[in-house]
Amino acid sequence: MQKVRLLNTSEYLTEQALRRVLEGTRFRIFAQLPLSKVIQPQSDETVSKAERDLLRTSELDFVIYDEESRPQFAIEFDGPAHQLYESKRRSDLKKNGLCYKAKLPLLRVTDTHLKEHDKSTLLEYIASRFVTWDKEKHEIETEIAEELLQRTDDEIERFTEGELITDPTLDPAFRFHLRHPFPGTKEIASRLLNEYGIVTPHVPITVWIDTSAQQRVLRLSSQGMSEGSKGDNYVASKEYELVEETRDNVQLTTKYLQVFRSTFSIQWSLSLYDDYDPMLEAPLQYRQRTGEWPTTYQDIPGISMPELATDMCEFLVLSQVEEWVRMNLPKVVKTD
């Protein structure tokens, strides 16, 4: 007989990252829970033999529970074996399907989620957004409701169509996302402003406005963005331009210094069926062919993968800017 290692290195790092974020909150993390302890079929629900076998024999790597022991979302760490072995891939599909039926959000992570970006990892960002959303969602909903009380019936009708919100600022998730970009983005924006006097879209709006009256300002402006799903990934691309603006009493002169581009891709959808290939067939086509929707999405309360992709794309662009200016521009000389 011998002792068995419970977690491999990547799983251990995953657990430690989650514990750092969840410490002191109302949430707890459990590792390697039997699937049948987390989800169970309802009394009137039909379950296939393969699904029953999976419930009996499989585990979830990590499950986040609230203080009432209700599962909030699950995490599976996908190492190389998940792509190399067909049996593992089929098991993953069935597990995706069971979590989907139980309405349990499932996040599949890889070593990419554990890589540090300016002292923050993707996994910690996802978990922190989940925790912060839990704290702030009711406050934001109340804030929006109070604002709507100040609107006329005509204004409300313009901003909504039935239950559909046409003004994104009235969507709590949209407002929350603007308040909580990737932490490294704010840190780099602050360093660019304080060390080089560069104004980016991530500084307070008052700073952006105040610089409009200055004789000379370095400004980073967004020049375009594209985003969308590609296969089971969500891909975001962004372009920024660094310019020097000088003003006199007559005119504004703009000098273009450098263009920065970045692309970031993250898995968004999880397949549910063996015969679905996201690179060959759109989900709607599969549904028209079979009557079933072939995918579920890795969206955790507080953040979606499209939001994560755009946030990381912006962070990577600002990282490029910081690297370039350190080699090409002098630091700001501050005087009292």
C-alpha atoms as a PDB file:
ATOM      1  CA  MET A   1       0.000   0.000   0.000  1.00  0.00           C
ATOM      2  CA  GLN A   2       1.135   3.559  -0.619  1.00  0.00           C
ATOM      3  CA  LYS A   3      -0.101   7.087  -0.163  1.00  0.00           C
ATOM      4  CA  VAL A   4      -1.603   8.781  -3.221  1.00  0.00           C
ATOM      5  CA  ARG A   5      -1.073  12.394  -4.218  1.00  0.00           C
ATOM      6  CA  LEU A   6      -4.462  14.105  -4.188  1.00  0.00           C
ATOM      7  CA  LEU A   7      -3.726  16.993  -6.577  1.00  0.00           C
ATOM      8  CA  ASN A   8      -1.186  17.461  -9.337  1.00  0.00           C
ATOM      9  CA  THR A   9       0.834  20.681  -9.483  1.00  0.00           C
ATOM     10  CA  SER A  10      -1.617  22.594 -11.687  1.00  0.00           C
ATOM     11  CA  GLU A  11      -4.603  21.465  -9.623  1.00  0.00           C
ATOM     12  CA  TYR A  12      -2.808  22.529  -6.441  1.00  0.00           C
ATOM     13  CA  LEU A  13      -2.092  25.975  -7.913  1.00  0.00           C
ATOM     14  CA  THR A  14      -5.734  26.204  -8.961  1.00  0.00           C
ATOM     15  CA  GLU A  15      -6.898  25.443  -5.445  1.00  0.00           C
ATOM     16  CA  GLN A  16      -4.478  27.952  -3.895  1.00  0.00           C
ATOM     17  CA  ALA A  17      -5.575  30.712  -6.285  1.00  0.00           C
ATOM     18  CA  LEU A  18      -9.230  30.101  -5.449  1.00  0.00           C
ATOM     19  CA  ARG A  19      -8.578  30.012  -1.712  1.00  0.00           C
ATOM     20  CA  ARG A  20      -6.767  33.364  -1.865  1.00  0.00           C
ATOM     21  CA  VAL A  21      -9.816  34.984  -3.427  1.00  0.00           C
ATOM     22  CA  LEU A  22     -12.506  33.221  -1.392  1.00  0.00           C
ATOM     23  CA  GLU A  23     -10.874  33.642   2.016  1.00  0.00           C
ATOM     24  CA  GLY A  24     -13.090  35.742   4.271  1.00  0.00           C
ATOM     25  CA  THR A  25     -16.113  35.533   1.946  1.00  0.00           C
ATOM     26  CA  ARG A  26     -19.303  33.527   2.332  1.00  0.00           C
ATOM     27  CA  PHE A  27     -18.036  30.971  -0.168  1.00  0.00           C
ATOM     28  CA  ARG A  28     -15.958  27.823   0.307  1.00  0.00           C
ATOM     29  CA  ILE A  29     -14.114  25.540  -2.064  1.00  0.00           C
ATOM     30  CA  PHE A  30     -14.219  21.742  -2.038  1.00  0.00           C
ATOM     31  CA  ALA A  31     -11.845  19.576  -4.064  1.00  0.00           C
ATOM     32  CA  GLN A  32     -12.501  16.264  -5.803  1.00  0.00           C
ATOM     33  CA  LEU A  33     -16.133  15.903  -4.837  1.00  0.00           C
ATOM     34  CA  PRO A  34     -18.006  12.887  -6.264  1.00  0.00           C
ATOM     35  CA  LEU A  35     -20.303  14.116  -9.016  1.00  0.00           C
ATOM     36  CA  SER A  36     -23.276  12.430  -7.343  1.00  0.00           C
ATOM     37  CA  LYS A  37     -22.692  14.571  -4.222  1.00  0.00           C
ATOM     38  CA  VAL A  38     -23.110  17.754  -6.238  1.00  0.00           C
ATOM     39  CA  ILE A  39     -25.875  16.979  -8.746  1.00  0.00           C
ATOM     40  CA  GLN A  40     -28.604  14.334  -8.799  1.00  0.00           C
ATOM     41  CA  PRO A  41     -31.441  13.540 -11.212  1.00  0.00           C
ATOM     42  CA  GLN A  42     -34.934  14.612 -10.237  1.00  0.00           C
ATOM     43  CA  SER A  43     -37.489  11.922  -9.483  1.00  0.00           C
ATOM     44  CA  ASP A  44     -39.263  12.278 -12.843  1.00  0.00           C
ATOM     45  CA  GLU A  45     -36.092  12.744 -14.916  1.00  0.00           C
ATOM     46  CA  THR A  46     -34.890  10.162 -17.430  1.00  0.00           C
ATOM     47  CA  VAL A  47     -31.181   9.363 -17.097  1.00  0.00           C
ATOM     48  CA  SER A  48     -29.208   7.196 -19.516  1.00  0.00           C
ATOM     49  CA  LYS A  49     -27.021   4.333 -18.333  1.00  0.00           C
ATOM     50  CA  ALA A  50     -23.902   6.277 -19.394  1.00  0.00           C
ATOM     51  CA  GLU A  51     -25.017   9.261 -17.320  1.00  0.00           C
ATOM     52  CA  ARG A  52     -25.760   7.068 -14.295  1.00  0.00           C
ATOM     53  CA  ASP A  53     -22.321   5.465 -14.599  1.00  0.00           C
ATOM     54  CA  LEU A  54     -20.662   8.871 -14.790  1.00  0.00           C
ATOM     55  CA  LEU A  55     -22.568  10.131 -11.751  1.00  0.00           C
ATOM     56  CA  ARG A  56     -21.443   7.056  -9.838  1.00  0.00           C
ATOM     57  CA  THR A  57     -17.773   7.043 -10.831  1.00  0.00           C
ATOM     58  CA  SER A  58     -16.743  10.612 -11.694  1.00  0.00           C
ATOM     59  CA  GLU A  59     -15.663  13.636  -9.647  1.00  0.00           C
ATOM     60  CA  LEU A  60     -15.575  17.407 -10.050  1.00  0.00           C
ATOM     61  CA  ASP A  61     -12.121  18.890  -9.471  1.00  0.00           C
ATOM     62  CA  PHE A  62     -13.436  21.882  -7.525  1.00  0.00           C
ATOM     63  CA  VAL A  63     -16.860  23.094  -6.436  1.00  0.00           C
ATOM     64  CA  ILE A  64     -17.596  26.507  -4.920  1.00  0.00           C
ATOM     65  CA  TYR A  65     -20.388  26.427  -2.334  1.00  0.00           C
ATOM     66  CA  ASP A  66     -22.141  29.216  -0.448  1.00  0.00           C
ATOM     67  CA  GLU A  67     -22.723  29.349   3.319  1.00  0.00           C
ATOM     68  CA  GLU A  68     -25.893  27.278   2.929  1.00  0.00           C
ATOM     69  CA  SER A  69     -23.948  24.503   1.156  1.00  0.00           C
ATOM     70  CA  ARG A  70     -25.509  25.278  -2.221  1.00  0.00           C
ATOM     71  CA  PRO A  71     -23.153  24.758  -5.168  1.00  0.00           C
ATOM     72  CA  GLN A  72     -22.540  27.980  -7.135  1.00  0.00           C
ATOM     73  CA  PHE A  73     -20.208  26.776  -9.880  1.00  0.00           C
ATOM     74  CA  ALA A  74     -17.725  24.011 -10.613  1.00  0.00           C
ATOM     75  CA  ILE A  75     -14.219  24.016 -12.053  1.00  0.00           C
ATOM     76  CA  GLU A  76     -12.499  21.293 -14.038  1.00  0.00           C
ATOM     77  CA  PHE A  77      -8.758  21.534 -14.725  1.00  0.00           C
ATOM     78  CA  ASP A  78      -8.089  20.261 -18.250  1.00  0.00           C
ATOM     79  CA  GLY A  79      -4.581  18.925 -18.725  1.00  0.00           C
ATOM     80  CA  PRO A  80      -3.181  17.424 -21.968  1.00  0.00           C
ATOM     81  CA  ALA A  81      -5.026  14.131 -21.412  1.00  0.00           C
ATOM     82  CA  HIS A  82      -8.349  15.833 -22.076  1.00  0.00           C
ATOM     83  CA  GLN A  83      -7.327  16.324 -25.708  1.00  0.00           C
ATOM     84  CA  LEU A  84      -5.203  13.215 -26.249  1.00  0.00           C
ATOM     85  CA  TYR A  85      -7.583  10.464 -25.148  1.00  0.00           C
ATOM     86  CA  GLU A  86     -10.947   9.892 -26.791  1.00  0.00           C
ATOM     87  CA  SER A  87     -12.390   8.244 -23.656  1.00  0.00           C
ATOM     88  CA  LYS A  88     -11.532  11.341 -21.620  1.00  0.00           C
ATOM     89  CA  ARG A  89     -13.070  13.639 -24.211  1.00  0.00           C
ATOM     90  CA  ARG A  90     -16.318  11.634 -24.217  1.00  0.00           C
ATOM     91  CA  SER A  91     -16.419  11.695 -20.417  1.00  0.00           C
ATOM     92  CA  ASP A  92     -15.951  15.484 -20.487  1.00  0.00           C
ATOM     93  CA  LEU A  93     -18.877  15.848 -22.902  1.00  0.00           C
ATOM     94  CA  LYS A  94     -21.167  13.853 -20.623  1.00  0.00           C
ATOM     95  CA  LYS A  95     -20.017  15.844 -17.593  1.00  0.00           C
ATOM     96  CA  ASN A  96     -20.693  19.081 -19.503  1.00  0.00           C
ATOM     97  CA  GLY A  97     -24.195  17.802 -20.230  1.00  0.00           C
ATOM     98  CA  LEU A  98     -24.967  16.774 -16.664  1.00  0.00           C
ATOM     99  CA  CYS A  99     -23.850  20.145 -15.281  1.00  0.00           C
ATOM    100  CA  TYR A 100     -25.887  21.889 -17.986  1.00  0.00           C
ATOM    101  CA  LYS A 101     -29.021  19.929 -17.050  1.00  0.00           C
ATOM    102  CA  ALA A 102     -28.483  20.751 -13.368  1.00  0.00           C
ATOM    103  CA  LYS A 103     -27.974  24.461 -14.186  1.00  0.00           C
ATOM    104  CA  LEU A 104     -24.550  24.304 -12.525  1.00  0.00           C
ATOM    105  CA  PRO A 105     -22.091  26.668 -14.281  1.00  0.00           C
ATOM    106  CA  LEU A 106     -18.946  24.779 -15.256  1.00  0.00           C
ATOM    107  CA  LEU A 107     -15.613  26.459 -15.932  1.00  0.00           C
ATOM    108  CA  ARG A 108     -12.878  24.453 -17.656  1.00  0.00           C
ATOM    109  CA  VAL A 109      -9.447  25.926 -16.958  1.00  0.00           C
ATOM    110  CA  THR A 110      -5.934  25.220 -18.202  1.00  0.00           C
ATOM    111  CA  ASP A 111      -2.462  26.457 -17.301  1.00  0.00           C
ATOM    112  CA  THR A 112      -3.337  29.622 -19.249  1.00  0.00           C
ATOM    113  CA  HIS A 113      -5.682  30.592 -16.409  1.00  0.00           C
ATOM    114  CA  LEU A 114      -2.821  30.289 -13.896  1.00  0.00           C
ATOM    115  CA  LYS A 115      -0.307  32.494 -15.715  1.00  0.00           C
ATOM    116  CA  GLU A 116       0.377  35.766 -13.914  1.00  0.00           C
ATOM    117  CA  HIS A 117      -0.323  39.061 -15.680  1.00  0.00           C
ATOM    118  CA  ASP A 118       1.007  41.941 -13.591  1.00  0.00           C
ATOM    119  CA  LYS A 119       0.587  39.816 -10.425  1.00  0.00           C
ATOM    120  CA  SER A 120      -2.967  38.675 -11.296  1.00  0.00           C
ATOM    121  CA  THR A 121      -4.115  35.461 -12.953  1.00  0.00           C
ATOM    122  CA  LEU A 122      -7.182  34.887 -15.097  1.00  0.00           C
ATOM    123  CA  LEU A 123      -8.558  32.424 -12.563  1.00  0.00           C
ATOM    124  CA  GLU A 124      -8.196  34.889  -9.685  1.00  0.00           C
ATOM    125  CA  TYR A 125      -9.854  37.575 -11.788  1.00  0.00           C
ATOM    126  CA  ILE A 126     -12.806  35.295 -12.589  1.00  0.00           C
ATOM    127  CA  ALA A 127     -13.203  34.295  -8.941  1.00  0.00           C
ATOM    128  CA  SER A 128     -12.862  37.876  -7.677  1.00  0.00           C
ATOM    129  CA  ARG A 129     -15.481  39.087 -10.156  1.00  0.00           C
ATOM    130  CA  PHE A 130     -17.815  36.335  -8.900  1.00  0.00           C
ATOM    131  CA  VAL A 131     -17.308  37.410  -5.272  1.00  0.00           C
ATOM    132  CA  THR A 132     -17.619  41.131  -6.040  1.00  0.00           C
ATOM    133  CA  TRP A 133     -20.763  40.613  -8.132  1.00  0.00           C
ATOM    134  CA  ASP A 134     -22.326  38.808  -5.187  1.00  0.00           C
ATOM    135  CA  LYS A 135     -21.581  41.849  -3.005  1.00  0.00           C
ATOM    136  CA  GLU A 136     -22.558  44.613  -5.429  1.00  0.00           C
ATOM    137  CA  LYS A 137     -25.377  43.317  -7.643  1.00  0.00           C
ATOM    138  CA  HIS A 138     -28.223  44.410  -5.348  1.00  0.00           C
ATOM    139  CA  GLU A 139     -26.636  47.836  -4.834  1.00  0.00           C
ATOM    140  CA  ILE A 140     -26.317  48.328  -8.603  1.00  0.00           C
ATOM    141  CA  GLU A 141     -29.880  47.118  -9.226  1.00  0.00           C
ATOM    142  CA  THR A 142     -31.144  49.566  -6.597  1.00  0.00           C
ATOM    143  CA  GLU A 143     -29.075  52.361  -8.119  1.00  0.00           C
ATOM    144  CA  ILE A 144     -30.606  51.733 -11.556  1.00  0.00           C
ATOM    145  CA  ALA A 145     -34.119  51.471 -10.129  1.00  0.00           C
ATOM    146  CA  GLU A 146     -33.706  54.848  -8.400  1.00  0.00           C
ATOM    147  CA  GLU A 147     -32.442  56.404 -11.623  1.00  0.00           C
ATOM    148  CA  LEU A 148     -35.455  55.062 -13.500  1.00  0.00           C
ATOM    149  CA  LEU A 149     -37.766  56.754 -10.999  1.00  0.00           C
ATOM    150  CA  GLN A 150     -36.359  60.062 -12.237  1.00  0.00           C
ATOM    151  CA  ARG A 151     -37.131  59.224 -15.886  1.00  0.00           C
ATOM    152  CA  THR A 152     -40.373  60.041 -17.650  1.00  0.00           C
ATOM    153  CA  ASP A 153     -42.541  57.299 -19.157  1.00  0.00           C
ATOM    154  CA  ASP A 154     -41.432  58.400 -22.642  1.00  0.00           C
ATOM    155  CA  GLU A 155     -37.754  58.111 -21.675  1.00  0.00           C
ATOM    156  CA  ILE A 156     -38.260  54.655 -20.183  1.00  0.00           C
ATOM    157  CA  GLU A 157     -40.074  53.550 -23.327  1.00  0.00           C
ATOM    158  CA  ARG A 158     -37.135  54.731 -25.467  1.00  0.00           C
ATOM    159  CA  PHE A 159     -34.624  52.815 -23.345  1.00  0.00           C
ATOM    160  CA  THR A 160     -36.600  49.578 -23.222  1.00  0.00           C
ATOM    161  CA  GLU A 161     -38.642  47.416 -25.544  1.00  0.00           C
ATOM    162  CA  GLY A 162     -40.952  45.365 -23.364  1.00  0.00           C
ATOM    163  CA  GLU A 163     -38.573  43.449 -21.104  1.00  0.00           C
ATOM    164  CA  LEU A 164     -35.614  44.095 -23.430  1.00  0.00           C
ATOM    165  CA  ILE A 165     -33.172  46.808 -22.314  1.00  0.00           C
ATOM    166  CA  THR A 166     -31.884  48.866 -25.244  1.00  0.00           C
ATOM    167  CA  ASP A 167     -29.756  51.215 -23.120  1.00  0.00           C
ATOM    168  CA  PRO A 168     -26.763  49.167 -21.889  1.00  0.00           C
ATOM    169  CA  THR A 169     -26.226  51.477 -18.889  1.00  0.00           C
ATOM    170  CA  LEU A 170     -29.502  50.136 -17.488  1.00  0.00           C
ATOM    171  CA  ASP A 171     -28.091  46.604 -17.492  1.00  0.00           C
ATOM    172  CA  PRO A 172     -26.548  45.839 -14.064  1.00  0.00           C
ATOM    173  CA  ALA A 173     -24.013  43.438 -15.611  1.00  0.00           C
ATOM    174  CA  PHE A 174     -22.834  46.081 -18.096  1.00  0.00           C
ATOM    175  CA  ARG A 175     -22.407  48.716 -15.384  1.00  0.00           C
ATOM    176  CA  PHE A 176     -20.613  46.218 -13.137  1.00  0.00           C
ATOM    177  CA  HIS A 177     -18.213  45.250 -15.930  1.00  0.00           C
ATOM    178  CA  LEU A 178     -17.174  48.872 -16.500  1.00  0.00           C
ATOM    179  CA  ARG A 179     -16.350  49.221 -12.810  1.00  0.00           C
ATOM    180  CA  HIS A 180     -14.156  46.140 -12.627  1.00  0.00           C
ATOM    181  CA  PRO A 181     -11.596  45.798 -15.426  1.00  0.00           C
ATOM    182  CA  PHE A 182      -8.700  43.374 -15.121  1.00  0.00           C
ATOM    183  CA  PRO A 183      -6.615  44.645 -12.153  1.00  0.00           C
ATOM    184  CA  GLY A 184      -3.399  44.868 -14.149  1.00  0.00           C
ATOM    185  CA  THR A 185      -5.052  47.227 -16.618  1.00  0.00           C
ATOM    186  CA  LYS A 186      -5.713  49.855 -13.962  1.00  0.00           C
ATOM    187  CA  GLU A 187      -2.189  49.427 -12.565  1.00  0.00           C
ATOM    188  CA  ILE A 188      -0.522  49.952 -15.943  1.00  0.00           C
ATOM    189  CA  ALA A 189      -2.799  52.910 -16.768  1.00  0.00           C
ATOM    190  CA  SER A 190      -1.797  54.511 -13.478  1.00  0.00           C
ATOM    191  CA  ARG A 191       1.932  53.971 -14.143  1.00  0.00           C
ATOM    192  CA  LEU A 192       1.658  55.366 -17.676  1.00  0.00           C
ATOM    193  CA  LEU A 193      -0.047  58.490 -16.333  1.00  0.00           C
ATOM    194  CA  ASN A 194       2.232  59.068 -13.339  1.00  0.00           C
ATOM    195  CA  GLU A 195       5.551  58.162 -14.969  1.00  0.00           C
ATOM    196  CA  TYR A 196       5.059  59.339 -18.575  1.00  0.00           C
ATOM    197  CA  GLY A 197       2.020  61.626 -18.507  1.00  0.00           C
ATOM    198  CA  ILE A 198       0.131  59.336 -20.907  1.00  0.00           C
ATOM    199  CA  VAL A 199      -3.647  59.564 -20.690  1.00  0.00           C
ATOM    200  CA  THR A 200      -5.463  56.301 -21.445  1.00  0.00           C
ATOM    201  CA  PRO A 201      -9.179  55.412 -21.541  1.00  0.00           C
ATOM    202  CA  HIS A 202      -8.667  53.689 -18.173  1.00  0.00           C
ATOM    203  CA  VAL A 203      -7.975  56.836 -16.138  1.00  0.00           C
ATOM    204  CA  PRO A 204     -10.800  58.700 -14.355  1.00  0.00           C
ATOM    205  CA  ILE A 205     -12.948  60.703 -16.760  1.00  0.00           C
ATOM    206  CA  THR A 206     -12.001  63.902 -14.932  1.00  0.00           C
ATOM    207  CA  VAL A 207      -8.354  63.334 -15.859  1.00  0.00           C
ATOM    208  CA  TRP A 208      -9.300  62.782 -19.496  1.00  0.00           C
ATOM    209  CA  ILE A 209     -11.299  66.028 -19.545  1.00  0.00           C
ATOM    210  CA  ASP A 210      -8.698  68.100 -17.670  1.00  0.00           C
ATOM    211  CA  THR A 211      -5.979  67.234 -20.173  1.00  0.00           C
ATOM    212  CA  SER A 212      -8.019  68.746 -23.007  1.00  0.00           C
ATOM    213  CA  ALA A 213      -6.906  72.194 -21.863  1.00  0.00           C
ATOM    214  CA  GLN A 214      -3.193  71.373 -21.671  1.00  0.00           C
ATOM    215  CA  GLN A 215      -0.759  72.638 -24.291  1.00  0.00           C
ATOM    216  CA  ARG A 216       0.816  69.219 -24.738  1.00  0.00           C
ATOM    217  CA  VAL A 217      -0.576  65.797 -23.896  1.00  0.00           C
ATOM    218  CA  LEU A 218       0.219  62.200 -24.800  1.00  0.00           C
ATOM    219  CA  ARG A 219      -3.007  60.324 -25.372  1.00  0.00           C
ATOM    220  CA  LEU A 220      -3.768  56.661 -26.051  1.00  0.00           C
ATOM    221  CA  SER A 221      -6.958  56.300 -28.065  1.00  0.00           C
ATOM    222  CA  SER A 222      -8.884  53.254 -29.194  1.00  0.00           C
ATOM    223  CA  GLN A 223      -8.903  52.955 -32.987  1.00  0.00           C
ATOM    224  CA  GLY A 224     -11.014  49.876 -33.412  1.00  0.00           C
ATOM    225  CA  MET A 225     -12.064  46.550 -32.027  1.00  0.00           C
ATOM    226  CA  SER A 226     -13.386  43.279 -33.372  1.00  0.00           C
ATOM    227  CA  GLU A 227     -14.769  40.404 -31.370  1.00  0.00           C
ATOM    228  CA  GLY A 228     -16.808  37.268 -31.836  1.00  0.00           C
ATOM    229  CA  SER A 229     -16.923  33.511 -31.474  1.00  0.00           C
ATOM    230  CA  LYS A 230     -14.655  31.263 -33.503  1.00  0.00           C
ATOM    231  CA  GLY A 231     -15.344  27.596 -32.990  1.00  0.00           C
ATOM    232  CA  ASP A 232     -15.634  27.115 -29.229  1.00  0.00           C
ATOM    233  CA  ASN A 233     -13.442  30.168 -28.516  1.00  0.00           C
ATOM    234  CA  TYR A 234     -14.255  33.831 -28.118  1.00  0.00           C
ATOM    235  CA  VAL A 235     -11.712  36.080 -29.825  1.00  0.00           C
ATOM    236  CA  ALA A 236     -11.207  39.803 -29.211  1.00  0.00           C
ATOM    237  CA  SER A 237      -8.837  42.081 -31.133  1.00  0.00           C
ATOM    238  CA  LYS A 238      -8.112  45.702 -30.335  1.00  0.00           C
ATOM    239  CA  GLU A 239      -6.038  48.518 -31.784  1.00  0.00           C
ATOM    240  CA  TYR A 240      -4.839  51.638 -29.969  1.00  0.00           C
ATOM    241  CA  GLU A 241      -2.915  54.658 -31.218  1.00  0.00           C
ATOM    242  CA  LEU A 242      -0.517  56.743 -29.146  1.00  0.00           C
ATOM    243  CA  VAL A 243      -0.521  60.384 -30.224  1.00  0.00           C
ATOM    244  CA  GLU A 244       1.044  63.627 -29.079  1.00  0.00           C
ATOM    245  CA  GLU A 245      -1.382  66.549 -29.086  1.00  0.00           C
ATOM    246  CA  THR A 246      -0.077  70.131 -28.931  1.00  0.00           C
ATOM    247  CA  ARG A 247      -2.282  73.192 -28.717  1.00  0.00           C
ATOM    248  CA  ASP A 248      -1.769  76.891 -29.233  1.00  0.00           C
ATOM    249  CA  ASN A 249      -4.278  79.675 -29.479  1.00  0.00           C
ATOM    250  CA  VAL A 250      -5.011  78.811 -33.089  1.00  0.00           C
ATOM    251  CA  GLN A 251      -5.038  75.083 -33.652  1.00  0.00           C
ATOM    252  CA  LEU A 252      -4.506  71.555 -32.400  1.00  0.00           C
ATOM    253  CA  THR A 253      -1.620  69.594 -33.884  1.00  0.00           C
ATOM    254  CA  THR A 254      -1.547  65.816 -33.655  1.00  0.00           C
ATOM    255  CA  LYS A 255       1.583  63.718 -34.070  1.00  0.00           C
ATOM    256  CA  TYR A 256       1.149  59.957 -34.395  1.00  0.00           C
ATOM    257  CA  LEU A 257       3.775  58.064 -32.412  1.00  0.00           C
ATOM    258  CA  GLN A 258       2.909  54.379 -32.485  1.00  0.00           C
ATOM    259  CA  VAL A 259       0.125  51.868 -33.155  1.00  0.00           C
ATOM    260  CA  PHE A 260      -0.474  48.908 -30.809  1.00  0.00           C
ATOM    261  CA  ARG A 261      -2.526  45.815 -31.578  1.00  0.00           C
ATOM    262  CA  SER A 262      -3.429  42.753 -29.569  1.00  0.00           C
ATOM    263  CA  THR A 263      -5.636  39.664 -29.827  1.00  0.00           C
ATOM    264  CA  PHE A 264      -6.810  37.387 -27.055  1.00  0.00           C
ATOM    265  CA  SER A 265      -8.749  34.132 -27.323  1.00  0.00           C
ATOM    266  CA  ILE A 266     -10.424  32.091 -24.578  1.00  0.00           C
ATOM    267  CA  GLN A 267     -12.624  29.005 -24.673  1.00  0.00           C
ATOM    268  CA  TRP A 268     -16.247  30.020 -24.299  1.00  0.00           C
ATOM    269  CA  SER A 269     -18.523  27.185 -25.348  1.00  0.00           C
ATOM    270  CA  LEU A 270     -18.560  23.601 -24.107  1.00  0.00           C
ATOM    271  CA  SER A 271     -19.822  20.921 -26.464  1.00  0.00           C
ATOM    272  CA  LEU A 272     -22.538  18.577 -25.250  1.00  0.00           C
ATOM    273  CA  TYR A 273     -22.669  15.974 -28.027  1.00  0.00           C
ATOM    274  CA  ASP A 274     -20.149  13.716 -29.790  1.00  0.00           C
ATOM    275  CA  ASP A 275     -21.393  14.540 -33.279  1.00  0.00           C
ATOM    276  CA  TYR A 276     -21.014  18.305 -32.967  1.00  0.00           C
ATOM    277  CA  ASP A 277     -17.910  20.058 -34.309  1.00  0.00           C
ATOM    278  CA  PRO A 278     -17.939  23.849 -33.731  1.00  0.00           C
ATOM    279  CA  MET A 279     -15.447  24.371 -36.566  1.00  0.00           C
ATOM    280  CA  LEU A 280     -17.734  22.697 -39.107  1.00  0.00           C
ATOM    281  CA  GLU A 281     -21.223  23.633 -37.990  1.00  0.00           C
ATOM    282  CA  ALA A 282     -22.888  26.566 -36.261  1.00  0.00           C
ATOM    283  CA  PRO A 283     -24.929  25.795 -33.129  1.00  0.00           C
ATOM    284  CA  LEU A 284     -28.131  26.945 -34.826  1.00  0.00           C
ATOM    285  CA  GLN A 285     -27.496  24.592 -37.756  1.00  0.00           C
ATOM    286  CA  TYR A 286     -27.031  21.691 -35.359  1.00  0.00           C
ATOM    287  CA  ARG A 287     -30.264  22.554 -33.586  1.00  0.00           C
ATOM    288  CA  GLN A 288     -32.136  22.707 -36.884  1.00  0.00           C
ATOM    289  CA  ARG A 289     -30.707  19.309 -37.789  1.00  0.00           C
ATOM    290  CA  THR A 290     -31.227  17.513 -34.470  1.00  0.00           C
ATOM    291  CA  GLY A 291     -33.647  19.597 -32.417  1.00  0.00           C
ATOM    292  CA  GLU A 292     -31.024  19.973 -29.662  1.00  0.00           C
ATOM    293  CA  TRP A 293     -28.792  22.899 -28.750  1.00  0.00           C
ATOM    294  CA  PRO A 294     -25.215  21.508 -28.918  1.00  0.00           C
ATOM    295  CA  THR A 295     -23.341  23.772 -26.496  1.00  0.00           C
ATOM    296  CA  THR A 296     -23.369  25.435 -23.119  1.00  0.00           C
ATOM    297  CA  TYR A 297     -21.298  28.455 -22.165  1.00  0.00           C
ATOM    298  CA  GLN A 298     -18.637  29.086 -19.530  1.00  0.00           C
ATOM    299  CA  ASP A 299     -20.237  32.159 -18.037  1.00  0.00           C
ATOM    300  CA  ILE A 300     -19.827  32.464 -14.264  1.00  0.00           C
ATOM    301  CA  PRO A 301     -22.001  34.905 -12.257  1.00  0.00           C
ATOM    302  CA  GLY A 302     -20.159  38.225 -12.445  1.00  0.00           C
ATOM    303  CA  ILE A 303     -18.228  37.603 -15.662  1.00  0.00           C
ATOM    304  CA  SER A 304     -18.641  36.104 -19.110  1.00  0.00           C
ATOM    305  CA  MET A 305     -15.869  34.832 -21.351  1.00  0.00           C
ATOM    306  CA  PRO A 306     -16.512  37.593 -23.936  1.00  0.00           C
ATOM    307  CA  GLU A 307     -15.940  40.138 -21.159  1.00  0.00           C
ATOM    308  CA  LEU A 308     -12.796  38.301 -20.096  1.00  0.00           C
ATOM    309  CA  ALA A 309     -11.473  38.246 -23.669  1.00  0.00           C
ATOM    310  CA  THR A 310     -11.994  41.987 -24.179  1.00  0.00           C
ATOM    311  CA  ASP A 311     -10.515  42.804 -20.763  1.00  0.00           C
ATOM    312  CA  MET A 312      -7.383  40.750 -21.435  1.00  0.00           C
ATOM    313  CA  CYS A 313      -7.045  42.213 -24.918  1.00  0.00           C
ATOM    314  CA  GLU A 314      -6.970  45.715 -23.408  1.00  0.00           C
ATOM    315  CA  PHE A 315      -4.487  44.626 -20.739  1.00  0.00           C
ATOM    316  CA  LEU A 316      -2.131  43.164 -23.352  1.00  0.00           C
ATOM    317  CA  VAL A 317      -2.300  46.363 -25.424  1.00  0.00           C
ATOM    318  CA  LEU A 318      -1.419  48.503 -22.407  1.00  0.00           C
ATOM    319  CA  SER A 319       1.438  46.123 -21.596  1.00  0.00           C
ATOM    320  CA  GLN A 320       2.803  46.733 -25.101  1.00  0.00           C
ATOM    321  CA  VAL A 321       2.452  50.482 -24.632  1.00  0.00           C
ATOM    322  CA  GLU A 322       4.341  50.393 -21.335  1.00  0.00           C
ATOM    323  CA  GLU A 323       7.161  48.346 -22.853  1.00  0.00           C
ATOM    324  CA  TRP A 324       7.440  50.701 -25.836  1.00  0.00           C
ATOM    325  CA  VAL A 325       7.434  53.951 -23.855  1.00  0.00           C
ATOM    326  CA  ARG A 326      10.098  52.674 -21.458  1.00  0.00           C
ATOM    327  CA  MET A 327      12.431  52.313 -24.423  1.00  0.00           C
ATOM    328  CA  ASN A 328      11.398  55.432 -26.366  1.00  0.00           C
ATOM    329  CA  LEU A 329      10.096  58.158 -24.060  1.00  0.00           C
ATOM    330  CA  PRO A 330      11.567  60.013 -21.075  1.00  0.00           C
ATOM    331  CA  LYS A 331       9.794  59.870 -17.759  1.00  0.00           C
ATOM    332  CA  VAL A 332       7.869  62.878 -16.515  1.00  0.00           C
ATOM    333  CA  VAL A 333       9.948  65.261 -14.404  1.00  0.00           C
ATOM    334  CA  LYS A 334       7.745  66.186 -11.467  1.00  0.00           C
ATOM    335  CA  THR A 335       8.146  69.512  -9.681  1.00  0.00           C
ATOM    336  CA  ASP A 336       6.570  70.733  -6.470  1.00  0.00           C
END
